[in-house]
């Protein structure tokens, strides 16, 4: 088997694979032959979405908008708890995982907003009057 691969032209093999990939994937830009560039027109990157969601959640908590905080916190929470590249190890992957752990904790805090000590004294969601 190793002898068979030794006779294979790597550029031709890559070109063949890329040709099949271009036919199979629609809505994706795949440019180049020796160096490949992969581009997606409109897509959501879950890490960016989680960062935006936790920002929205924390802003809503600060403003006392509990419904908005709850929804945005859930979005960040669900994304962060999925993890990142399980089974892979690299320093940059560890940094992303630590950041996701941080986002997860922050999302839990925002989710608990009305019931947490740092929240405003009243919550329209819980129907509790302000403490006097």
C-alpha atoms as a PDB file:
ATOM      1  CA  UNK A   1       0.000   0.000   0.000  1.00  0.00           C
ATOM      2  CA  UNK A   2       2.781   2.451   0.882  1.00  0.00           C
ATOM      3  CA  UNK A   3       4.379   1.744  -2.494  1.00  0.00           C
ATOM      4  CA  UNK A   4       1.150   2.678  -4.284  1.00  0.00           C
ATOM      5  CA  UNK A   5       1.005   6.076  -2.502  1.00  0.00           C
ATOM      6  CA  UNK A   6       4.685   6.722  -3.213  1.00  0.00           C
ATOM      7  CA  UNK A   7       3.887   6.705  -6.949  1.00  0.00           C
ATOM      8  CA  UNK A   8       0.901   9.060  -6.563  1.00  0.00           C
ATOM      9  CA  UNK A   9       1.327  12.711  -7.546  1.00  0.00           C
ATOM     10  CA  UNK A  10       0.131  14.672  -4.454  1.00  0.00           C
ATOM     11  CA  UNK A  11      -0.909  17.697  -6.535  1.00  0.00           C
ATOM     12  CA  UNK A  12      -3.020  15.549  -8.837  1.00  0.00           C
ATOM     13  CA  UNK A  13      -4.586  13.755  -5.882  1.00  0.00           C
ATOM     14  CA  UNK A  14      -5.452  17.063  -4.189  1.00  0.00           C
ATOM     15  CA  UNK A  15      -6.838  18.457  -7.430  1.00  0.00           C
ATOM     16  CA  UNK A  16      -9.061  15.413  -7.842  1.00  0.00           C
ATOM     17  CA  UNK A  17     -10.359  15.666  -4.263  1.00  0.00           C
ATOM     18  CA  UNK A  18     -11.003  19.415  -4.595  1.00  0.00           C
ATOM     19  CA  UNK A  19     -12.849  18.880  -7.860  1.00  0.00           C
ATOM     20  CA  UNK A  20     -15.204  16.384  -6.220  1.00  0.00           C
ATOM     21  CA  UNK A  21     -15.592  18.626  -3.182  1.00  0.00           C
ATOM     22  CA  UNK A  22     -16.545  21.631  -5.341  1.00  0.00           C
ATOM     23  CA  UNK A  23     -19.290  19.560  -6.979  1.00  0.00           C
ATOM     24  CA  UNK A  24     -20.586  18.201  -3.671  1.00  0.00           C
ATOM     25  CA  UNK A  25     -20.724  21.418  -1.665  1.00  0.00           C
ATOM     26  CA  UNK A  26     -23.074  24.175  -2.729  1.00  0.00           C
ATOM     27  CA  UNK A  27     -23.055  27.710  -1.396  1.00  0.00           C
ATOM     28  CA  UNK A  28     -19.377  27.511  -0.510  1.00  0.00           C
ATOM     29  CA  UNK A  29     -16.431  29.214  -2.150  1.00  0.00           C
ATOM     30  CA  UNK A  30     -13.450  26.888  -2.583  1.00  0.00           C
ATOM     31  CA  UNK A  31     -10.624  28.599  -4.481  1.00  0.00           C
ATOM     32  CA  UNK A  32      -7.128  27.541  -5.439  1.00  0.00           C
ATOM     33  CA  UNK A  33      -5.250  24.442  -6.473  1.00  0.00           C
ATOM     34  CA  UNK A  34      -2.004  24.152  -4.480  1.00  0.00           C
ATOM     35  CA  UNK A  35      -3.124  26.512  -1.737  1.00  0.00           C
ATOM     36  CA  UNK A  36      -6.794  26.273  -0.923  1.00  0.00           C
ATOM     37  CA  UNK A  37      -9.017  29.034   0.398  1.00  0.00           C
ATOM     38  CA  UNK A  38     -12.386  28.101   1.819  1.00  0.00           C
ATOM     39  CA  UNK A  39     -15.019  30.808   2.080  1.00  0.00           C
ATOM     40  CA  UNK A  40     -18.595  30.923   3.273  1.00  0.00           C
ATOM     41  CA  UNK A  41     -20.796  33.804   2.181  1.00  0.00           C
ATOM     42  CA  UNK A  42     -23.266  34.160   5.012  1.00  0.00           C
ATOM     43  CA  UNK A  43     -22.767  32.045   8.075  1.00  0.00           C
ATOM     44  CA  UNK A  44     -22.969  32.236  11.826  1.00  0.00           C
ATOM     45  CA  UNK A  45     -19.921  31.241  13.810  1.00  0.00           C
ATOM     46  CA  UNK A  46     -21.140  29.839  17.108  1.00  0.00           C
ATOM     47  CA  UNK A  47     -18.252  31.319  19.131  1.00  0.00           C
ATOM     48  CA  UNK A  48     -19.009  34.800  17.818  1.00  0.00           C
ATOM     49  CA  UNK A  49     -22.711  34.277  18.466  1.00  0.00           C
ATOM     50  CA  UNK A  50     -21.988  33.198  22.059  1.00  0.00           C
ATOM     51  CA  UNK A  51     -19.859  36.305  22.642  1.00  0.00           C
ATOM     52  CA  UNK A  52     -22.587  38.552  21.255  1.00  0.00           C
ATOM     53  CA  UNK A  53     -25.274  36.746  23.269  1.00  0.00           C
ATOM     54  CA  UNK A  54     -23.436  37.057  26.588  1.00  0.00           C
ATOM     55  CA  UNK A  55     -22.904  40.758  25.930  1.00  0.00           C
ATOM     56  CA  UNK A  56     -26.650  41.183  25.250  1.00  0.00           C
ATOM     57  CA  UNK A  57     -27.507  39.176  28.375  1.00  0.00           C
ATOM     58  CA  UNK A  58     -25.225  41.154  30.675  1.00  0.00           C
ATOM     59  CA  UNK A  59     -26.428  44.446  29.215  1.00  0.00           C
ATOM     60  CA  UNK A  60     -30.045  43.406  29.742  1.00  0.00           C
ATOM     61  CA  UNK A  61     -29.321  42.416  33.356  1.00  0.00           C
ATOM     62  CA  UNK A  62     -27.685  45.798  33.977  1.00  0.00           C
ATOM     63  CA  UNK A  63     -30.812  47.497  32.602  1.00  0.00           C
ATOM     64  CA  UNK A  64     -33.216  45.240  34.497  1.00  0.00           C
ATOM     65  CA  UNK A  65     -34.689  43.729  31.316  1.00  0.00           C
ATOM     66  CA  UNK A  66     -35.019  40.203  32.662  1.00  0.00           C
ATOM     67  CA  UNK A  67     -36.827  38.632  29.699  1.00  0.00           C
ATOM     68  CA  UNK A  68     -34.113  39.771  27.284  1.00  0.00           C
ATOM     69  CA  UNK A  69     -31.385  38.710  29.697  1.00  0.00           C
ATOM     70  CA  UNK A  70     -32.889  35.257  30.120  1.00  0.00           C
ATOM     71  CA  UNK A  71     -33.168  34.564  26.372  1.00  0.00           C
ATOM     72  CA  UNK A  72     -29.689  35.848  25.516  1.00  0.00           C
ATOM     73  CA  UNK A  73     -28.131  34.031  28.489  1.00  0.00           C
ATOM     74  CA  UNK A  74     -29.662  30.755  27.329  1.00  0.00           C
ATOM     75  CA  UNK A  75     -28.213  31.202  23.852  1.00  0.00           C
ATOM     76  CA  UNK A  76     -24.710  31.796  25.244  1.00  0.00           C
ATOM     77  CA  UNK A  77     -25.114  28.997  27.789  1.00  0.00           C
ATOM     78  CA  UNK A  78     -26.143  26.361  25.252  1.00  0.00           C
ATOM     79  CA  UNK A  79     -23.311  27.257  22.892  1.00  0.00           C
ATOM     80  CA  UNK A  80     -20.644  27.425  25.611  1.00  0.00           C
ATOM     81  CA  UNK A  81     -21.512  24.107  27.216  1.00  0.00           C
ATOM     82  CA  UNK A  82     -21.102  22.214  23.927  1.00  0.00           C
ATOM     83  CA  UNK A  83     -17.357  22.507  24.263  1.00  0.00           C
ATOM     84  CA  UNK A  84     -14.808  23.034  21.528  1.00  0.00           C
ATOM     85  CA  UNK A  85     -13.019  20.471  19.369  1.00  0.00           C
ATOM     86  CA  UNK A  86     -13.284  17.494  21.724  1.00  0.00           C
ATOM     87  CA  UNK A  87     -10.333  15.143  21.469  1.00  0.00           C
ATOM     88  CA  UNK A  88      -8.010  17.800  20.040  1.00  0.00           C
ATOM     89  CA  UNK A  89      -5.141  19.377  21.969  1.00  0.00           C
ATOM     90  CA  UNK A  90      -3.324  22.603  21.220  1.00  0.00           C
ATOM     91  CA  UNK A  91      -2.591  25.793  23.142  1.00  0.00           C
ATOM     92  CA  UNK A  92      -4.983  27.875  21.044  1.00  0.00           C
ATOM     93  CA  UNK A  93      -7.727  25.271  21.556  1.00  0.00           C
ATOM     94  CA  UNK A  94      -7.177  25.430  25.322  1.00  0.00           C
ATOM     95  CA  UNK A  95      -7.532  29.224  25.209  1.00  0.00           C
ATOM     96  CA  UNK A  96     -10.829  28.944  23.351  1.00  0.00           C
ATOM     97  CA  UNK A  97     -12.056  26.312  25.829  1.00  0.00           C
ATOM     98  CA  UNK A  98     -11.149  28.544  28.792  1.00  0.00           C
ATOM     99  CA  UNK A  99     -12.987  31.426  27.159  1.00  0.00           C
ATOM    100  CA  UNK A 100     -16.054  29.216  26.620  1.00  0.00           C
ATOM    101  CA  UNK A 101     -15.905  28.133  30.269  1.00  0.00           C
ATOM    102  CA  UNK A 102     -15.909  31.811  31.218  1.00  0.00           C
ATOM    103  CA  UNK A 103     -18.839  32.532  28.894  1.00  0.00           C
ATOM    104  CA  UNK A 104     -20.720  29.597  30.424  1.00  0.00           C
ATOM    105  CA  UNK A 105     -20.263  30.904  33.980  1.00  0.00           C
ATOM    106  CA  UNK A 106     -21.227  34.434  32.932  1.00  0.00           C
ATOM    107  CA  UNK A 107     -24.314  33.094  31.146  1.00  0.00           C
ATOM    108  CA  UNK A 108     -25.378  31.217  34.282  1.00  0.00           C
ATOM    109  CA  UNK A 109     -25.002  34.406  36.289  1.00  0.00           C
ATOM    110  CA  UNK A 110     -27.073  36.384  33.765  1.00  0.00           C
ATOM    111  CA  UNK A 111     -29.674  33.614  33.605  1.00  0.00           C
ATOM    112  CA  UNK A 112     -30.030  33.704  37.376  1.00  0.00           C
ATOM    113  CA  UNK A 113     -30.097  37.507  37.285  1.00  0.00           C
ATOM    114  CA  UNK A 114     -33.432  38.135  39.015  1.00  0.00           C
ATOM    115  CA  UNK A 115     -32.659  35.591  41.734  1.00  0.00           C
ATOM    116  CA  UNK A 116     -29.022  36.500  42.272  1.00  0.00           C
ATOM    117  CA  UNK A 117     -27.662  38.832  44.909  1.00  0.00           C
ATOM    118  CA  UNK A 118     -26.245  41.147  42.245  1.00  0.00           C
ATOM    119  CA  UNK A 119     -29.587  41.621  40.503  1.00  0.00           C
ATOM    120  CA  UNK A 120     -32.007  44.478  40.904  1.00  0.00           C
ATOM    121  CA  UNK A 121     -34.299  44.266  43.941  1.00  0.00           C
ATOM    122  CA  UNK A 122     -37.439  43.444  41.965  1.00  0.00           C
ATOM    123  CA  UNK A 123     -38.228  41.178  39.027  1.00  0.00           C
ATOM    124  CA  UNK A 124     -41.236  41.472  36.755  1.00  0.00           C
ATOM    125  CA  UNK A 125     -40.662  37.829  35.775  1.00  0.00           C
ATOM    126  CA  UNK A 126     -41.027  36.619  39.319  1.00  0.00           C
ATOM    127  CA  UNK A 127     -43.735  39.116  40.196  1.00  0.00           C
ATOM    128  CA  UNK A 128     -41.842  40.179  43.305  1.00  0.00           C
ATOM    129  CA  UNK A 129     -42.214  43.725  44.611  1.00  0.00           C
ATOM    130  CA  UNK A 130     -39.140  45.779  45.273  1.00  0.00           C
ATOM    131  CA  UNK A 131     -37.695  45.364  48.755  1.00  0.00           C
ATOM    132  CA  UNK A 132     -38.144  48.389  51.007  1.00  0.00           C
END
